[in-house]
N, C-alpha and C. Protein backbone atom coordinates (compact mmCIF):
# COMPACT_ATOMS: atom_id res chain seq x y z
N MET A 1 192.52 52.10 178.39
CA MET A 1 192.38 53.35 179.14
C MET A 1 192.47 53.04 180.63
N LYS A 2 193.29 53.75 181.29
CA LYS A 2 193.48 53.56 182.72
C LYS A 2 192.39 54.31 183.50
N ALA A 3 191.80 53.62 184.49
CA ALA A 3 190.74 54.24 185.30
C ALA A 3 191.32 55.30 186.23
N THR A 4 190.70 56.45 186.23
CA THR A 4 191.06 57.51 187.16
C THR A 4 189.82 57.86 187.96
N PRO A 5 189.97 58.59 189.05
CA PRO A 5 188.78 58.95 189.84
C PRO A 5 187.70 59.64 189.03
N ASN A 6 188.07 60.33 187.95
CA ASN A 6 187.09 61.03 187.14
C ASN A 6 186.37 60.11 186.15
N THR A 7 186.94 58.93 185.86
CA THR A 7 186.33 58.04 184.88
C THR A 7 185.56 56.89 185.51
N ILE A 8 185.70 56.71 186.81
CA ILE A 8 185.00 55.61 187.48
C ILE A 8 183.60 56.06 187.86
N LYS A 9 182.60 55.30 187.40
CA LYS A 9 181.22 55.61 187.75
C LYS A 9 180.67 54.44 188.54
N LEU A 10 180.26 54.69 189.75
CA LEU A 10 179.69 53.65 190.58
C LEU A 10 178.19 53.61 190.37
N LYS A 11 177.68 52.42 190.18
CA LYS A 11 176.24 52.26 190.04
C LYS A 11 175.66 52.04 191.42
N ILE A 12 174.75 52.90 191.81
CA ILE A 12 174.10 52.78 193.10
C ILE A 12 172.86 51.92 192.92
N THR A 13 172.83 50.80 193.61
CA THR A 13 171.72 49.87 193.45
C THR A 13 170.61 50.15 194.46
N GLU A 14 169.42 49.69 194.12
CA GLU A 14 168.30 49.82 195.06
C GLU A 14 168.61 49.06 196.35
N LYS A 15 169.23 47.92 196.23
CA LYS A 15 169.56 47.13 197.42
C LYS A 15 170.47 47.91 198.36
N ALA A 16 171.49 48.58 197.80
CA ALA A 16 172.41 49.37 198.63
C ALA A 16 171.68 50.54 199.30
N ILE A 17 170.83 51.22 198.55
CA ILE A 17 170.07 52.33 199.13
C ILE A 17 169.15 51.83 200.22
N MET A 18 168.49 50.69 199.99
CA MET A 18 167.58 50.12 200.98
C MET A 18 168.32 49.76 202.26
N GLN A 19 169.51 49.18 202.13
CA GLN A 19 170.30 48.82 203.31
C GLN A 19 170.72 50.07 204.08
N GLN A 20 171.10 51.13 203.38
CA GLN A 20 171.48 52.38 204.04
C GLN A 20 170.31 52.96 204.82
N ILE A 21 169.14 52.99 204.19
CA ILE A 21 167.95 53.54 204.83
C ILE A 21 167.56 52.71 206.04
N LYS A 22 167.52 51.41 205.88
CA LYS A 22 167.12 50.52 206.98
C LYS A 22 168.06 50.69 208.17
N TYR A 23 169.36 50.71 207.91
CA TYR A 23 170.33 50.85 208.99
C TYR A 23 170.20 52.22 209.68
N ALA A 24 170.17 53.29 208.87
CA ALA A 24 170.12 54.64 209.44
C ALA A 24 168.87 54.86 210.28
N LEU A 25 167.72 54.42 209.78
CA LEU A 25 166.49 54.61 210.56
C LEU A 25 166.54 53.81 211.86
N SER A 26 167.09 52.61 211.81
CA SER A 26 167.16 51.80 213.04
C SER A 26 168.08 52.47 214.07
N VAL A 27 169.13 53.13 213.61
CA VAL A 27 170.02 53.87 214.52
C VAL A 27 169.24 54.96 215.24
N TYR A 28 168.27 55.57 214.56
CA TYR A 28 167.46 56.64 215.14
C TYR A 28 166.20 56.13 215.84
N GLY A 29 166.15 54.85 216.14
CA GLY A 29 165.07 54.31 216.95
C GLY A 29 163.84 53.82 216.19
N TRP A 30 163.91 53.76 214.90
CA TRP A 30 162.80 53.25 214.11
C TRP A 30 162.85 51.74 214.03
N PHE A 31 161.71 51.09 214.09
CA PHE A 31 161.59 49.67 213.81
C PHE A 31 161.33 49.59 212.30
N VAL A 32 162.26 48.98 211.57
CA VAL A 32 162.17 48.95 210.11
C VAL A 32 162.22 47.50 209.65
N PHE A 33 161.30 47.16 208.76
CA PHE A 33 161.37 45.82 208.20
C PHE A 33 161.10 45.85 206.71
N ARG A 34 161.69 44.87 206.06
CA ARG A 34 161.58 44.70 204.61
C ARG A 34 160.30 43.96 204.31
N VAL A 35 159.58 44.43 203.32
CA VAL A 35 158.40 43.72 202.84
C VAL A 35 158.90 42.84 201.69
N PRO A 36 159.01 41.54 201.94
CA PRO A 36 159.58 40.69 200.89
C PRO A 36 158.63 40.55 199.70
N PRO A 37 159.19 40.59 198.51
CA PRO A 37 158.33 40.36 197.34
C PRO A 37 157.83 38.92 197.37
N SER A 38 156.62 38.74 196.94
CA SER A 38 156.03 37.41 197.00
C SER A 38 155.15 37.18 195.79
N MET A 39 155.21 35.98 195.27
CA MET A 39 154.33 35.67 194.14
C MET A 39 152.88 35.56 194.59
N TYR A 40 152.66 35.45 195.89
CA TYR A 40 151.30 35.31 196.41
C TYR A 40 150.75 36.61 196.99
N GLY A 41 151.63 37.61 197.18
CA GLY A 41 151.21 38.86 197.79
C GLY A 41 150.66 39.85 196.78
N GLN A 42 150.19 40.96 197.29
CA GLN A 42 149.67 42.03 196.45
C GLN A 42 150.82 42.69 195.70
N LYS A 43 150.66 42.92 194.43
CA LYS A 43 151.69 43.59 193.64
C LYS A 43 151.70 45.08 194.01
N GLY A 44 152.89 45.65 193.96
CA GLY A 44 153.01 47.09 194.19
C GLY A 44 153.30 47.49 195.62
N LEU A 45 153.38 46.52 196.54
CA LEU A 45 153.68 46.86 197.93
C LEU A 45 155.03 47.56 198.02
N CYS A 46 155.19 48.38 199.04
CA CYS A 46 156.44 49.11 199.23
C CYS A 46 157.56 48.15 199.67
N ASP A 47 158.79 48.66 199.66
CA ASP A 47 159.95 47.85 200.05
C ASP A 47 160.16 47.79 201.55
N LEU A 48 159.95 48.91 202.23
CA LEU A 48 160.20 49.00 203.67
C LEU A 48 159.02 49.62 204.38
N ILE A 49 158.81 49.19 205.62
CA ILE A 49 157.85 49.84 206.51
C ILE A 49 158.62 50.21 207.77
N ALA A 50 158.48 51.46 208.19
CA ALA A 50 159.19 51.95 209.37
C ALA A 50 158.17 52.48 210.37
N VAL A 51 158.39 52.15 211.65
CA VAL A 51 157.45 52.55 212.70
C VAL A 51 158.24 53.14 213.88
N LYS A 52 157.74 54.28 214.38
CA LYS A 52 158.34 54.89 215.57
C LYS A 52 157.27 55.72 216.27
N ASN A 53 157.14 55.53 217.56
CA ASN A 53 156.18 56.29 218.37
C ASN A 53 154.77 56.24 217.79
N GLY A 54 154.39 55.09 217.27
CA GLY A 54 153.05 54.92 216.72
C GLY A 54 152.85 55.49 215.33
N PHE A 55 153.90 56.01 214.73
CA PHE A 55 153.85 56.62 213.40
C PHE A 55 154.44 55.64 212.39
N THR A 56 153.73 55.37 211.32
CA THR A 56 154.17 54.40 210.32
C THR A 56 154.44 55.09 208.99
N VAL A 57 155.54 54.70 208.36
CA VAL A 57 155.93 55.25 207.07
C VAL A 57 156.16 54.09 206.10
N PHE A 58 155.62 54.23 204.91
CA PHE A 58 155.79 53.24 203.85
C PHE A 58 156.82 53.78 202.87
N ILE A 59 157.88 53.02 202.63
CA ILE A 59 159.00 53.52 201.82
C ILE A 59 159.22 52.62 200.61
N GLU A 60 159.15 53.22 199.45
CA GLU A 60 159.50 52.52 198.20
C GLU A 60 160.88 53.02 197.80
N VAL A 61 161.81 52.10 197.61
CA VAL A 61 163.19 52.46 197.28
C VAL A 61 163.41 52.24 195.79
N LYS A 62 163.97 53.25 195.16
CA LYS A 62 164.31 53.18 193.74
C LYS A 62 165.72 53.71 193.53
N ALA A 63 166.41 53.14 192.56
CA ALA A 63 167.70 53.68 192.14
C ALA A 63 167.43 55.07 191.54
N PRO A 64 168.46 55.89 191.43
CA PRO A 64 168.24 57.24 190.90
C PRO A 64 167.44 57.31 189.60
N ASN A 65 167.58 56.33 188.73
CA ASN A 65 166.85 56.32 187.45
C ASN A 65 165.63 55.41 187.49
N GLY A 66 165.39 54.75 188.62
CA GLY A 66 164.31 53.77 188.71
C GLY A 66 162.92 54.40 188.61
N LYS A 67 161.99 53.64 188.07
CA LYS A 67 160.61 54.13 187.92
C LYS A 67 159.66 53.21 188.66
N GLN A 68 158.63 53.80 189.25
CA GLN A 68 157.59 53.03 189.90
C GLN A 68 156.75 52.30 188.85
N SER A 69 156.35 51.09 189.20
CA SER A 69 155.41 50.38 188.33
C SER A 69 154.02 50.98 188.53
N ASP A 70 153.12 50.66 187.64
CA ASP A 70 151.73 51.13 187.80
C ASP A 70 151.15 50.63 189.11
N GLU A 71 151.46 49.39 189.48
CA GLU A 71 150.96 48.82 190.74
C GLU A 71 151.50 49.59 191.95
N GLN A 72 152.76 50.00 191.88
CA GLN A 72 153.35 50.78 192.97
C GLN A 72 152.72 52.16 193.08
N LYS A 73 152.38 52.76 191.95
CA LYS A 73 151.70 54.06 191.98
C LYS A 73 150.30 53.93 192.58
N ILE A 74 149.62 52.84 192.29
CA ILE A 74 148.29 52.60 192.87
C ILE A 74 148.41 52.41 194.37
N PHE A 75 149.41 51.63 194.81
CA PHE A 75 149.63 51.43 196.25
C PHE A 75 149.93 52.75 196.94
N GLU A 76 150.78 53.58 196.33
CA GLU A 76 151.09 54.91 196.88
C GLU A 76 149.81 55.73 197.05
N ALA A 77 148.96 55.75 196.04
CA ALA A 77 147.71 56.52 196.10
C ALA A 77 146.81 56.00 197.21
N LYS A 78 146.73 54.69 197.37
CA LYS A 78 145.88 54.12 198.42
C LYS A 78 146.39 54.51 199.80
N ILE A 79 147.71 54.48 200.00
CA ILE A 79 148.28 54.88 201.30
C ILE A 79 148.00 56.35 201.56
N ARG A 80 148.25 57.20 200.60
CA ARG A 80 148.01 58.64 200.78
C ARG A 80 146.53 58.95 200.98
N ASP A 81 145.66 58.28 200.23
CA ASP A 81 144.22 58.49 200.38
C ASP A 81 143.72 58.08 201.76
N ALA A 82 144.41 57.11 202.36
CA ALA A 82 144.05 56.65 203.70
C ALA A 82 144.69 57.50 204.80
N GLY A 83 145.42 58.56 204.40
CA GLY A 83 146.06 59.45 205.37
C GLY A 83 147.44 58.99 205.79
N GLY A 84 147.99 58.00 205.09
CA GLY A 84 149.31 57.48 205.43
C GLY A 84 150.43 58.27 204.78
N VAL A 85 151.65 57.95 205.19
CA VAL A 85 152.84 58.60 204.66
C VAL A 85 153.59 57.60 203.78
N TYR A 86 153.82 58.00 202.56
CA TYR A 86 154.52 57.17 201.58
C TYR A 86 155.70 57.99 201.07
N ILE A 87 156.88 57.38 201.07
CA ILE A 87 158.07 58.07 200.59
C ILE A 87 158.67 57.27 199.43
N LEU A 88 158.89 57.95 198.34
CA LEU A 88 159.65 57.36 197.24
C LEU A 88 161.09 57.81 197.46
N ALA A 89 161.94 56.89 197.90
CA ALA A 89 163.31 57.23 198.30
C ALA A 89 164.30 56.78 197.24
N ARG A 90 165.06 57.73 196.74
CA ARG A 90 166.11 57.42 195.77
C ARG A 90 167.49 57.53 196.40
N SER A 91 167.52 57.97 197.67
CA SER A 91 168.77 58.08 198.42
C SER A 91 168.42 58.21 199.90
N LEU A 92 169.43 58.11 200.73
CA LEU A 92 169.24 58.27 202.17
C LEU A 92 168.69 59.65 202.51
N GLU A 93 169.07 60.65 201.73
CA GLU A 93 168.63 62.02 201.98
C GLU A 93 167.10 62.16 201.94
N ASP A 94 166.42 61.30 201.19
CA ASP A 94 164.97 61.39 201.08
C ASP A 94 164.24 61.01 202.37
N VAL A 95 164.93 60.36 203.29
CA VAL A 95 164.29 59.99 204.56
C VAL A 95 164.93 60.68 205.76
N GLU A 96 165.89 61.55 205.53
CA GLU A 96 166.60 62.19 206.64
C GLU A 96 165.69 62.93 207.60
N TRP A 97 164.59 63.48 207.11
CA TRP A 97 163.68 64.20 208.00
C TRP A 97 163.12 63.28 209.08
N LEU A 98 163.13 61.98 208.85
CA LEU A 98 162.64 61.03 209.86
C LEU A 98 163.62 60.85 211.01
N PHE A 99 164.87 61.32 210.87
CA PHE A 99 165.86 61.16 211.92
C PHE A 99 165.56 62.04 213.13
N GLN A 100 164.74 63.05 212.94
CA GLN A 100 164.42 63.97 214.03
C GLN A 100 163.73 63.23 215.17
N THR A 101 163.91 63.70 216.37
CA THR A 101 163.25 63.10 217.51
C THR A 101 161.76 63.29 217.39
N GLY A 102 161.03 62.20 217.51
CA GLY A 102 159.58 62.27 217.35
C GLY A 102 159.25 62.48 215.88
N VAL A 103 158.00 62.70 215.61
CA VAL A 103 157.57 62.91 214.23
C VAL A 103 156.62 64.09 214.21
N SER A 104 156.93 65.04 213.37
CA SER A 104 156.12 66.25 213.26
C SER A 104 154.86 65.97 212.43
N ALA A 105 153.74 66.46 212.89
CA ALA A 105 152.47 66.24 212.19
C ALA A 105 152.48 66.87 210.80
N ASP A 106 153.24 67.96 210.60
CA ASP A 106 153.26 68.60 209.30
C ASP A 106 153.98 67.76 208.25
N ARG A 107 154.74 66.78 208.67
CA ARG A 107 155.45 65.91 207.74
C ARG A 107 154.55 64.78 207.22
N GLN A 108 153.40 64.59 207.84
CA GLN A 108 152.53 63.47 207.46
C GLN A 108 151.99 63.61 206.05
N ALA A 109 151.98 64.79 205.50
CA ALA A 109 151.41 65.00 204.17
C ALA A 109 152.41 64.72 203.04
N ARG A 110 153.65 64.38 203.37
CA ARG A 110 154.67 64.15 202.34
C ARG A 110 154.29 63.09 201.36
């Protein structure tokens, strides 16, 4: 069977989504760094941390079908309980609201 544009399915990886998010946020003035997985670190930590104007966002990146581990759900709850902002991002669109100049206080509850 010959591949046509209708038969080709591209798999979007978490790594590709993470790179898109990291690059796009940095273009908009965010300091973004990857939290490397570690056998010695706490399980469930997010993939990226982004900071701008004193505002910090914790970002867990998942492929469109990806699921959070139980440890990641616990980490999310701890961040939210502490008043932090945690984003489960499955695409660049999930963080686009951060591109705005400054950070709106009403977005902190996301």
